[in-house]
Amino acid sequence: MRTFILASALVVFGAGLALAASEQAVEPREITEWKAVFGRVEARDMIPARSRIGGTLVSVDVTEGSTVTEGQVIADIYDPKLNLQLASVQGEIDALLSQLDNAETELKRGEDLLARGVTTAQRLDALRTQVDVFQNQIAATRARKNVIEEQAKEGAVLAPMAGKVIEVPVTRGSVVMPGEAIAQIGGGGFFLRLAVPERHAAYLREGIEIRIGADGESKPGRLAKVYPQIENGRVIADVEVEGMSSEFVNARVLVSLPVGKREALMVPTERVQTRMGLDFVTVRGPGGAAVQRAVVLGESYPLDDMPMVEILSGLSAGDVLVSDHE
């Protein structure tokens, strides 16, 4: 008889332990408030590919969205005056070469005459000086020709860096001036630029984690830079996102920013039951009985690696959640 009573007491005590383990007190928890704003995808560096000479744009090899490498030829400019200048300089060189040949012939003849004693050393020095003058004139003219040839090569418009073509403001056949932008190149990586209302400026800190998207499963990002100047009542900030798509520059992306903390009543999502459009949780009622209470739910938050949901009304701090089978 004593053994039976002891066994029964152990069963009751074990049931009490299981009941206590299934209970959970509702206490205020600190949660982060998130502000949804739109960010714009922008290139870190925006550099124009400019023309180095003036002339007619005879070809454009890229369009908006094209991917380019540093130094790639993206357009070609033709200036007919450069060919005329080259022809003129080449004519000068040919004339100077003829004069040099004649001067060298006169110098050789003078050397022969000096050897026979017919001419003077002074006359021979004048002939040598004339040969040197023609040689120097030819070298200077050839250098001028090289300059014109280099100018002709500069008709090729080169991409200043690797990246994506954002804008091409000119078309084939356009007349361009030196220094005019032929294409706008975006590169150096892409980031999100935010314009946050200034009332949230106090909560923005460089390095804080943000969420790219409206839910907790969105891609994480980091607030890389907060600009000190407020423009039109908004704070400008840049967000770094690893592996962000750059398919569309200036595309708008939804971003959630932490803008403060507050206390809220949170319960595990698994404790909530939905029936006929209403949400219920089971709590310990008067006398220890389990009763179901209708609640109004707020947003869901992951806390301590557990999905939790905010209770807007229906529960108070200190209420005890119990299992449905009790």
Protein backbone atom coordinates (compact mmCIF):
# COMPACT_ATOMS: atom_id res chain seq x y z
CA MET A 1 0.00 0.00 0.00
CA ARG A 2 2.84 2.42 0.88
CA THR A 3 4.60 1.58 -2.41
CA PHE A 4 1.43 2.36 -4.40
CA ILE A 5 1.01 5.74 -2.70
CA LEU A 6 4.65 6.64 -3.39
CA ALA A 7 4.35 5.67 -7.04
CA SER A 8 1.19 7.76 -7.42
CA ALA A 9 2.93 10.77 -5.83
CA LEU A 10 5.82 10.47 -8.28
CA VAL A 11 3.42 10.41 -11.25
CA VAL A 12 1.63 13.53 -9.99
CA PHE A 13 4.95 15.29 -9.30
CA GLY A 14 6.21 14.43 -12.82
CA ALA A 15 3.04 15.77 -14.37
CA GLY A 16 3.50 18.99 -12.40
CA LEU A 17 7.03 19.35 -13.77
CA ALA A 18 5.80 18.84 -17.36
CA LEU A 19 3.06 21.43 -16.79
CA ALA A 20 5.54 23.96 -15.46
CA ALA A 21 7.81 23.39 -18.45
CA SER A 22 4.94 24.16 -20.86
CA GLU A 23 4.15 27.50 -19.21
CA GLN A 24 5.63 30.79 -20.31
CA ALA A 25 5.16 34.19 -18.73
CA VAL A 26 4.41 37.13 -21.01
CA GLU A 27 6.93 39.90 -20.37
CA PRO A 28 7.76 43.09 -22.29
CA ARG A 29 10.67 42.59 -24.70
CA GLU A 30 12.82 45.25 -26.34
CA ILE A 31 12.46 45.24 -30.12
CA THR A 32 13.91 47.34 -32.90
CA GLU A 33 11.65 49.64 -34.87
CA TRP A 34 12.25 49.58 -38.62
CA LYS A 35 11.54 52.34 -41.10
CA ALA A 36 10.87 51.34 -44.71
CA VAL A 37 12.44 53.69 -47.26
CA PHE A 38 13.42 53.39 -50.89
CA GLY A 39 17.07 53.31 -51.92
CA ARG A 40 18.44 53.99 -55.38
CA VAL A 41 21.10 51.82 -57.02
CA GLU A 42 24.04 54.02 -57.99
CA ALA A 43 27.58 53.50 -59.23
CA ARG A 44 30.36 54.46 -56.87
CA ASP A 45 32.26 56.31 -59.63
CA MET A 46 30.71 58.15 -62.56
CA ILE A 47 33.30 59.21 -65.16
CA PRO A 48 32.56 60.60 -68.63
CA ALA A 49 34.45 59.25 -71.64
CA ARG A 50 35.42 62.49 -73.42
CA SER A 51 36.60 63.32 -76.91
CA ARG A 52 40.25 64.35 -77.13
CA ILE A 53 39.94 66.10 -80.50
CA GLY A 54 37.19 67.90 -82.36
CA GLY A 55 35.58 66.44 -85.44
CA THR A 56 32.77 64.23 -86.70
CA LEU A 57 31.69 61.17 -84.74
CA VAL A 58 31.93 58.43 -87.36
CA SER A 59 31.12 55.46 -85.09
CA VAL A 60 29.72 54.69 -81.63
CA ASP A 61 30.30 51.10 -80.54
CA VAL A 62 28.39 51.09 -77.23
CA THR A 63 24.86 51.76 -76.02
CA GLU A 64 23.28 52.28 -72.62
CA GLY A 65 23.87 49.15 -70.53
CA SER A 66 26.98 47.96 -72.40
CA THR A 67 29.80 46.59 -70.28
CA VAL A 68 33.23 48.05 -71.07
CA THR A 69 36.81 47.48 -69.94
CA GLU A 70 39.37 50.13 -69.14
CA GLY A 71 40.96 51.49 -72.33
CA GLN A 72 38.36 49.96 -74.65
CA VAL A 73 37.60 51.96 -77.81
CA ILE A 74 33.94 52.97 -77.61
CA ALA A 75 33.75 55.57 -80.42
CA ASP A 76 35.80 57.10 -83.23
CA ILE A 77 36.12 60.76 -84.25
CA TYR A 78 37.39 61.87 -87.67
CA ASP A 79 38.89 65.28 -88.46
CA PRO A 80 39.75 65.69 -92.19
CA LYS A 81 42.06 68.62 -91.43
CA LEU A 82 44.52 66.26 -89.78
CA ASN A 83 45.04 64.34 -93.03
CA LEU A 84 45.64 67.60 -94.88
CA GLN A 85 48.18 68.65 -92.27
CA LEU A 86 49.93 65.30 -92.58
CA ALA A 87 50.12 65.66 -96.35
CA SER A 88 51.52 69.19 -95.96
CA VAL A 89 54.15 68.12 -93.45
CA GLN A 90 55.13 65.13 -95.59
CA GLY A 91 55.64 67.52 -98.51
CA GLU A 92 57.94 69.66 -96.37
CA ILE A 93 59.92 66.58 -95.38
CA ASP A 94 60.30 65.50 -99.02
CA ALA A 95 61.52 68.98 -99.99
CA LEU A 96 64.00 69.08 -97.14
CA LEU A 97 65.28 65.61 -98.06
CA SER A 98 65.96 66.82 -101.62
CA GLN A 99 67.77 69.87 -100.30
CA LEU A 100 69.74 67.65 -97.93
CA ASP A 101 70.81 65.39 -100.80
CA ASN A 102 71.97 68.41 -102.77
CA ALA A 103 73.82 69.82 -99.71
CA GLU A 104 75.55 66.50 -99.06
CA THR A 105 76.61 66.35 -102.73
CA GLU A 106 78.03 69.89 -102.49
CA LEU A 107 79.84 68.92 -99.27
CA LYS A 108 81.46 65.89 -100.92
CA ARG A 109 82.50 68.00 -103.88
CA GLY A 110 83.93 70.62 -101.53
CA GLU A 111 85.95 67.98 -99.68
CA ASP A 112 87.43 66.80 -103.01
CA LEU A 113 88.29 70.38 -104.02
CA LEU A 114 89.86 71.05 -100.63
CA ALA A 115 92.01 67.96 -101.04
CA ARG A 116 93.30 69.38 -104.35
CA GLY A 117 93.74 72.80 -102.82
CA VAL A 118 91.15 74.45 -105.05
CA THR A 119 88.75 75.65 -102.31
CA THR A 120 89.12 76.94 -98.77
CA ALA A 121 88.36 75.32 -95.39
CA GLN A 122 85.95 78.18 -94.64
CA ARG A 123 83.84 77.27 -97.66
CA LEU A 124 83.85 73.62 -96.57
CA ASP A 125 82.67 74.58 -93.05
CA ALA A 126 79.76 76.52 -94.57
CA LEU A 127 78.76 73.44 -96.58
CA ARG A 128 78.89 71.26 -93.44
CA THR A 129 76.75 73.78 -91.55
CA GLN A 130 74.20 73.76 -94.38
CA VAL A 131 73.97 69.94 -94.19
CA ASP A 132 73.48 70.10 -90.41
CA VAL A 133 70.73 72.71 -90.80
CA PHE A 134 68.82 70.58 -93.27
CA GLN A 135 69.16 67.51 -91.03
CA ASN A 136 67.84 69.43 -88.03
CA GLN A 137 64.96 70.86 -90.07
CA ILE A 138 64.02 67.36 -91.21
CA ALA A 139 64.10 66.06 -87.59
CA ALA A 140 61.90 68.94 -86.41
CA THR A 141 59.42 68.44 -89.25
CA ARG A 142 59.22 64.71 -88.59
CA ALA A 143 58.53 65.48 -84.90
CA ARG A 144 55.70 67.78 -85.99
CA LYS A 145 54.38 64.98 -88.18
CA ASN A 146 54.44 62.61 -85.19
CA VAL A 147 52.38 65.11 -83.20
CA ILE A 148 49.74 65.26 -85.94
CA GLU A 149 49.69 61.45 -86.22
CA GLU A 150 49.19 61.22 -82.46
CA GLN A 151 46.31 63.69 -82.71
CA ALA A 152 44.74 61.49 -85.37
CA LYS A 153 45.06 58.47 -83.05
CA GLU A 154 43.30 60.46 -80.32
CA GLY A 155 40.19 60.32 -82.44
CA ALA A 156 39.57 56.98 -80.74
CA VAL A 157 37.45 57.58 -77.62
CA LEU A 158 38.58 55.28 -74.79
CA ALA A 159 36.68 54.05 -71.75
CA PRO A 160 38.33 55.67 -68.68
CA MET A 161 37.57 52.65 -66.46
CA ALA A 162 35.87 49.28 -66.42
CA GLY A 163 32.15 49.41 -65.75
CA LYS A 164 28.79 49.90 -67.37
CA VAL A 165 27.70 52.53 -69.86
CA ILE A 166 25.03 54.63 -68.16
CA GLU A 167 24.34 57.23 -70.84
CA VAL A 168 25.33 57.98 -74.45
CA PRO A 169 24.24 61.58 -75.14
CA VAL A 170 25.51 61.73 -78.76
CA THR A 171 24.83 59.79 -81.95
CA ARG A 172 26.80 58.82 -85.03
CA GLY A 173 27.34 61.80 -87.32
CA SER A 174 27.40 64.37 -84.52
CA VAL A 175 30.01 67.13 -84.58
CA VAL A 176 31.85 67.15 -81.26
CA MET A 177 34.34 69.51 -79.66
CA PRO A 178 37.47 68.57 -77.68
CA GLY A 179 36.49 67.56 -74.14
CA GLU A 180 32.85 66.80 -74.97
CA ALA A 181 31.32 63.79 -73.18
CA ILE A 182 30.66 60.88 -75.53
CA ALA A 183 29.45 58.38 -72.89
CA GLN A 184 28.96 58.24 -69.13
CA ILE A 185 30.64 55.24 -67.49
CA GLY A 186 29.63 53.93 -64.07
CA GLY A 187 32.02 51.65 -62.20
CA GLY A 188 33.97 51.02 -59.04
CA GLY A 189 31.15 48.93 -57.59
CA PHE A 190 27.50 49.69 -56.94
CA PHE A 191 25.72 50.73 -53.75
CA LEU A 192 22.35 51.96 -52.51
CA ARG A 193 21.81 55.64 -51.85
CA LEU A 194 19.08 56.49 -49.34
CA ALA A 195 17.20 59.69 -48.59
CA VAL A 196 15.96 59.32 -44.98
CA PRO A 197 13.64 61.86 -43.28
CA GLU A 198 15.68 64.08 -40.97
CA ARG A 199 13.64 63.10 -37.87
CA HIS A 200 15.43 59.73 -38.04
CA ALA A 201 18.92 61.25 -38.45
CA ALA A 202 19.82 60.68 -34.78
CA TYR A 203 19.46 56.90 -35.20
CA LEU A 204 21.68 56.63 -38.28
CA ARG A 205 25.20 55.41 -37.50
CA GLU A 206 27.86 54.22 -39.91
CA GLY A 207 28.32 50.47 -39.72
CA ILE A 208 24.82 49.52 -38.49
CA GLU A 209 23.15 46.53 -40.12
CA ILE A 210 20.09 47.11 -42.26
CA ARG A 211 17.71 44.91 -44.25
CA ILE A 212 17.30 45.13 -48.01
CA GLY A 213 13.58 44.42 -48.34
CA ALA A 214 10.54 44.58 -46.12
CA ASP A 215 10.84 41.28 -44.21
CA GLY A 216 13.37 39.71 -41.90
CA GLU A 217 14.54 37.24 -44.55
CA SER A 218 15.85 40.00 -46.80
CA LYS A 219 19.47 40.41 -47.79
CA PRO A 220 21.56 42.16 -45.09
CA GLY A 221 23.45 45.36 -45.79
CA ARG A 222 25.68 47.84 -43.95
CA LEU A 223 25.31 51.59 -43.64
CA ALA A 224 28.66 52.71 -45.08
CA LYS A 225 28.40 56.49 -45.02
CA VAL A 226 26.07 59.17 -43.65
CA TYR A 227 26.46 62.58 -45.28
CA PRO A 228 26.36 65.54 -42.87
CA GLN A 229 24.37 67.88 -45.13
CA ILE A 230 20.56 67.65 -45.02
CA GLU A 231 18.89 68.24 -48.38
CA ASN A 232 15.17 69.01 -48.65
CA GLY A 233 14.56 67.68 -45.14
CA ARG A 234 16.30 64.37 -45.82
CA VAL A 235 19.58 62.80 -44.77
CA ILE A 236 21.60 61.16 -47.55
CA ALA A 237 23.26 57.83 -46.70
CA ASP A 238 25.04 55.08 -48.65
CA VAL A 239 24.51 51.37 -48.06
CA GLU A 240 26.92 48.61 -49.08
CA VAL A 241 25.31 45.33 -50.15
CA GLU A 242 27.44 42.34 -51.07
CA GLY A 243 26.60 40.89 -54.47
CA MET A 244 24.02 43.55 -55.28
CA SER A 245 22.68 43.39 -58.83
CA SER A 246 23.72 46.26 -61.09
CA GLU A 247 21.42 45.34 -63.94
CA PHE A 248 19.48 48.59 -63.53
CA VAL A 249 21.22 51.74 -62.32
CA ASN A 250 18.92 54.18 -60.47
CA ALA A 251 16.50 51.32 -59.76
CA ARG A 252 14.50 51.79 -56.53
CA VAL A 253 14.94 49.11 -53.85
CA LEU A 254 12.97 48.81 -50.60
CA VAL A 255 15.21 49.14 -47.54
CA SER A 256 14.38 48.77 -43.83
CA LEU A 257 16.38 50.96 -41.45
CA PRO A 258 16.55 50.62 -37.63
CA VAL A 259 15.25 53.94 -36.29
CA GLY A 260 14.75 53.19 -32.59
CA LYS A 261 13.85 50.67 -29.92
CA ARG A 262 10.69 50.10 -27.88
CA GLU A 263 9.15 47.55 -25.55
CA ALA A 264 6.40 45.19 -26.71
CA LEU A 265 4.61 42.06 -25.51
CA MET A 266 5.94 39.17 -27.58
CA VAL A 267 4.80 35.56 -27.75
CA PRO A 268 6.12 32.65 -29.82
CA THR A 269 4.36 32.38 -33.15
CA GLU A 270 3.60 28.71 -32.50
CA ARG A 271 1.45 29.69 -29.48
CA VAL A 272 -1.02 31.56 -31.71
CA GLN A 273 -4.01 29.76 -33.21
CA THR A 274 -6.25 31.22 -35.89
CA ARG A 275 -9.87 30.18 -36.17
CA MET A 276 -12.63 31.86 -38.18
CA GLY A 277 -10.44 34.90 -38.83
CA LEU A 278 -9.62 35.45 -35.16
CA ASP A 279 -6.32 34.85 -33.36
CA PHE A 280 -6.22 33.11 -29.96
CA VAL A 281 -3.61 32.22 -27.35
CA THR A 282 -4.12 29.91 -24.36
CA VAL A 283 -3.36 31.44 -20.96
CA ARG A 284 -3.71 30.43 -17.32
CA GLY A 285 -7.07 31.74 -16.15
CA PRO A 286 -8.60 32.23 -12.69
CA GLY A 287 -8.31 29.12 -10.54
CA GLY A 288 -5.52 27.74 -12.74
CA ALA A 289 -7.78 26.70 -15.63
CA ALA A 290 -6.53 27.08 -19.19
CA VAL A 291 -8.62 29.55 -21.18
CA GLN A 292 -8.31 30.89 -24.72
CA ARG A 293 -8.10 34.62 -25.20
CA ALA A 294 -8.60 36.55 -28.41
CA VAL A 295 -5.64 38.79 -29.31
CA VAL A 296 -4.72 41.33 -31.96
CA LEU A 297 -1.37 40.59 -33.60
CA GLY A 298 1.30 43.01 -34.77
CA GLU A 299 4.47 42.39 -36.73
CA SER A 300 6.64 39.31 -36.45
CA TYR A 301 10.22 39.55 -35.18
CA PRO A 302 12.90 36.87 -34.77
CA LEU A 303 14.09 36.98 -31.14
CA ASP A 304 16.65 34.58 -29.68
CA ASP A 305 16.51 32.54 -32.92
CA MET A 306 12.78 32.01 -32.39
CA PRO A 307 9.95 33.47 -34.50
CA MET A 308 7.95 35.81 -32.25
CA VAL A 309 4.89 37.95 -32.89
CA GLU A 310 3.86 41.17 -31.16
CA ILE A 311 0.57 41.26 -29.22
CA LEU A 312 -1.12 44.63 -29.64
CA SER A 313 -4.08 43.86 -27.38
CA GLY A 314 -5.61 40.94 -25.50
CA LEU A 315 -2.71 40.17 -23.14
CA SER A 316 -1.05 41.94 -20.25
CA ALA A 317 2.40 41.66 -18.77
CA GLY A 318 2.47 38.78 -16.29
CA ASP A 319 -0.05 36.55 -18.11
CA VAL A 320 1.09 32.93 -18.34
CA LEU A 321 0.90 31.04 -21.62
CA VAL A 322 0.05 27.36 -21.37
CA SER A 323 -0.26 24.55 -23.89
CA ASP A 324 -3.57 24.00 -25.65
CA HIS A 325 -4.03 20.46 -24.28
CA GLU A 326 -4.06 21.57 -20.66
